[in-house]
Amino acid sequence: LCLAYALGHQWITSVAVGAETVEQVRENADLAALPPLSTSECDAVRAEIAPGSRALLDQNWPPL
C-alpha cells in the first residue's frame, strides 16, 4: 500500500525502499511493477490514515 500510494502521486518521481535480502529486493520490484493507486484511492487512504500517524510509523519500523 505504501509503495502504491507513493507512486500514485505524479509529483513523486522516485521511491527508495530498503531490503535486507535478495528475496526482499525481488518482492519490492514485483510490488513496484503493480499499478499505482488512483487519485481517488489515494484520497481514500488519506481519509483513513492521519498524516504522520504514529501507528502507521510503528507498523513499518521495528522498535529500537
N, C-alpha and C. Protein backbone atom coordinates (compact mmCIF):
# COMPACT_ATOMS: atom_id res chain seq x y z
N LEU A 1 0.84 -1.19 0.00
CA LEU A 1 0.00 0.00 0.00
C LEU A 1 0.88 1.25 0.00
N CYS A 2 1.92 1.26 0.82
CA CYS A 2 2.77 2.45 0.90
C CYS A 2 3.43 2.76 -0.44
N LEU A 3 3.93 1.74 -1.11
CA LEU A 3 4.58 1.95 -2.39
C LEU A 3 3.57 2.39 -3.45
N ALA A 4 2.45 1.73 -3.51
CA ALA A 4 1.42 2.09 -4.50
C ALA A 4 0.88 3.49 -4.23
N TYR A 5 0.79 3.87 -2.95
CA TYR A 5 0.33 5.21 -2.59
C TYR A 5 1.35 6.25 -3.06
N ALA A 6 2.61 6.04 -2.75
CA ALA A 6 3.64 6.99 -3.16
C ALA A 6 3.68 7.13 -4.68
N LEU A 7 3.63 6.02 -5.37
CA LEU A 7 3.70 6.05 -6.83
C LEU A 7 2.42 6.59 -7.46
N GLY A 8 1.36 6.72 -6.67
CA GLY A 8 0.10 7.26 -7.16
C GLY A 8 0.08 8.77 -7.24
N HIS A 9 1.18 9.41 -6.88
CA HIS A 9 1.28 10.87 -6.96
C HIS A 9 2.22 11.25 -8.11
N GLN A 10 1.71 12.03 -9.05
CA GLN A 10 2.51 12.37 -10.24
C GLN A 10 3.76 13.16 -9.88
N TRP A 11 3.72 13.90 -8.79
CA TRP A 11 4.87 14.73 -8.42
C TRP A 11 5.98 13.93 -7.74
N ILE A 12 5.71 12.68 -7.38
CA ILE A 12 6.76 11.82 -6.82
C ILE A 12 7.40 11.08 -7.98
N THR A 13 8.69 11.31 -8.17
CA THR A 13 9.39 10.72 -9.31
C THR A 13 10.23 9.52 -8.94
N SER A 14 10.52 9.35 -7.65
CA SER A 14 11.35 8.23 -7.20
C SER A 14 10.93 7.81 -5.81
N VAL A 15 11.09 6.53 -5.53
CA VAL A 15 10.80 6.00 -4.20
C VAL A 15 11.97 5.10 -3.79
N ALA A 16 12.49 5.33 -2.61
CA ALA A 16 13.58 4.50 -2.10
C ALA A 16 13.00 3.50 -1.10
N VAL A 17 13.32 2.24 -1.28
CA VAL A 17 12.86 1.20 -0.35
C VAL A 17 14.08 0.44 0.15
N GLY A 18 13.97 -0.09 1.34
CA GLY A 18 15.06 -0.86 1.92
C GLY A 18 14.82 -2.35 1.76
N ALA A 19 15.90 -3.08 1.82
CA ALA A 19 15.81 -4.53 1.76
C ALA A 19 17.04 -5.11 2.44
N GLU A 20 16.83 -6.25 3.08
CA GLU A 20 17.93 -6.94 3.75
C GLU A 20 18.31 -8.23 3.05
N THR A 21 17.45 -8.70 2.15
CA THR A 21 17.72 -9.96 1.46
C THR A 21 17.41 -9.80 -0.03
N VAL A 22 17.94 -10.71 -0.82
CA VAL A 22 17.65 -10.72 -2.25
C VAL A 22 16.16 -10.93 -2.48
N GLU A 23 15.55 -11.77 -1.67
CA GLU A 23 14.11 -12.02 -1.81
C GLU A 23 13.31 -10.74 -1.59
N GLN A 24 13.70 -9.93 -0.63
CA GLN A 24 13.00 -8.66 -0.39
C GLN A 24 13.17 -7.71 -1.58
N VAL A 25 14.33 -7.72 -2.20
CA VAL A 25 14.53 -6.89 -3.39
C VAL A 25 13.58 -7.35 -4.49
N ARG A 26 13.48 -8.65 -4.67
CA ARG A 26 12.56 -9.19 -5.69
C ARG A 26 11.12 -8.83 -5.38
N GLU A 27 10.71 -8.97 -4.12
CA GLU A 27 9.35 -8.62 -3.72
C GLU A 27 9.07 -7.14 -3.98
N ASN A 28 10.03 -6.28 -3.63
CA ASN A 28 9.87 -4.85 -3.85
C ASN A 28 9.75 -4.54 -5.34
N ALA A 29 10.54 -5.20 -6.16
CA ALA A 29 10.47 -5.00 -7.61
C ALA A 29 9.11 -5.44 -8.15
N ASP A 30 8.61 -6.57 -7.65
CA ASP A 30 7.28 -7.03 -8.08
C ASP A 30 6.20 -6.03 -7.67
N LEU A 31 6.30 -5.49 -6.46
CA LEU A 31 5.32 -4.50 -6.00
C LEU A 31 5.40 -3.22 -6.81
N ALA A 32 6.61 -2.79 -7.15
CA ALA A 32 6.78 -1.57 -7.93
C ALA A 32 6.21 -1.72 -9.34
N ALA A 33 6.13 -2.94 -9.83
CA ALA A 33 5.60 -3.19 -11.17
C ALA A 33 4.07 -3.15 -11.21
N LEU A 34 3.43 -3.20 -10.05
CA LEU A 34 1.97 -3.14 -9.99
C LEU A 34 1.49 -1.72 -10.27
N PRO A 35 0.24 -1.57 -10.70
CA PRO A 35 -0.27 -0.21 -10.95
C PRO A 35 -0.29 0.61 -9.66
N PRO A 36 0.02 1.90 -9.76
CA PRO A 36 -0.07 2.76 -8.58
C PRO A 36 -1.54 3.00 -8.23
N LEU A 37 -1.77 3.53 -7.04
CA LEU A 37 -3.13 3.88 -6.66
C LEU A 37 -3.63 5.03 -7.52
N SER A 38 -4.92 5.04 -7.76
CA SER A 38 -5.54 6.15 -8.49
C SER A 38 -5.67 7.34 -7.54
N THR A 39 -6.02 8.48 -8.09
CA THR A 39 -6.22 9.68 -7.27
C THR A 39 -7.29 9.44 -6.22
N SER A 40 -8.38 8.80 -6.60
CA SER A 40 -9.46 8.55 -5.63
C SER A 40 -9.03 7.54 -4.56
N GLU A 41 -8.20 6.57 -4.94
CA GLU A 41 -7.69 5.62 -3.95
C GLU A 41 -6.73 6.31 -2.98
N CYS A 42 -5.89 7.21 -3.50
CA CYS A 42 -5.01 7.98 -2.61
C CYS A 42 -5.83 8.83 -1.65
N ASP A 43 -6.90 9.43 -2.15
CA ASP A 43 -7.79 10.23 -1.30
C ASP A 43 -8.40 9.36 -0.19
N ALA A 44 -8.78 8.15 -0.53
CA ALA A 44 -9.38 7.24 0.46
C ALA A 44 -8.36 6.86 1.53
N VAL A 45 -7.12 6.66 1.14
CA VAL A 45 -6.06 6.35 2.11
C VAL A 45 -5.89 7.52 3.06
N ARG A 46 -5.81 8.74 2.52
CA ARG A 46 -5.65 9.93 3.36
C ARG A 46 -6.82 10.10 4.32
N ALA A 47 -8.01 9.72 3.90
CA ALA A 47 -9.19 9.84 4.75
C ALA A 47 -9.15 8.86 5.92
N GLU A 48 -8.48 7.73 5.73
CA GLU A 48 -8.43 6.69 6.76
C GLU A 48 -7.22 6.78 7.68
N ILE A 49 -6.12 7.30 7.16
CA ILE A 49 -4.87 7.32 7.93
C ILE A 49 -4.41 8.77 8.06
N ALA A 50 -4.31 9.23 9.29
CA ALA A 50 -3.87 10.60 9.53
C ALA A 50 -2.42 10.78 9.09
N PRO A 51 -2.09 11.91 8.43
CA PRO A 51 -0.70 12.16 8.06
C PRO A 51 0.20 12.16 9.30
N GLY A 52 1.34 11.53 9.18
CA GLY A 52 2.27 11.48 10.29
C GLY A 52 1.80 10.61 11.45
N SER A 53 0.86 9.73 11.20
CA SER A 53 0.31 8.87 12.24
C SER A 53 1.39 8.01 12.90
N ARG A 54 1.49 8.08 14.20
CA ARG A 54 2.46 7.27 14.94
C ARG A 54 2.18 5.78 14.74
N ALA A 55 0.90 5.40 14.69
CA ALA A 55 0.53 4.00 14.48
C ALA A 55 1.04 3.50 13.13
N LEU A 56 0.96 4.33 12.10
CA LEU A 56 1.45 3.94 10.78
C LEU A 56 2.96 3.75 10.81
N LEU A 57 3.66 4.67 11.43
CA LEU A 57 5.11 4.54 11.52
C LEU A 57 5.52 3.31 12.31
N ASP A 58 4.84 3.05 13.40
CA ASP A 58 5.18 1.91 14.24
C ASP A 58 4.97 0.58 13.53
N GLN A 59 4.08 0.53 12.57
CA GLN A 59 3.84 -0.72 11.83
C GLN A 59 4.95 -1.01 10.85
N ASN A 60 5.71 0.01 10.47
CA ASN A 60 6.72 -0.17 9.43
C ASN A 60 8.15 -0.21 9.94
N TRP A 61 8.36 0.15 11.19
CA TRP A 61 9.72 0.19 11.73
C TRP A 61 9.80 -0.61 12.99
N PRO A 62 10.78 -1.46 13.10
CA PRO A 62 10.93 -2.23 14.35
C PRO A 62 11.34 -1.32 15.50
N PRO A 63 10.93 -1.63 16.71
CA PRO A 63 11.32 -0.81 17.84
C PRO A 63 12.83 -0.89 18.06
N LEU A 64 13.39 0.19 18.55
CA LEU A 64 14.84 0.21 18.83
C LEU A 64 15.14 -0.41 20.16
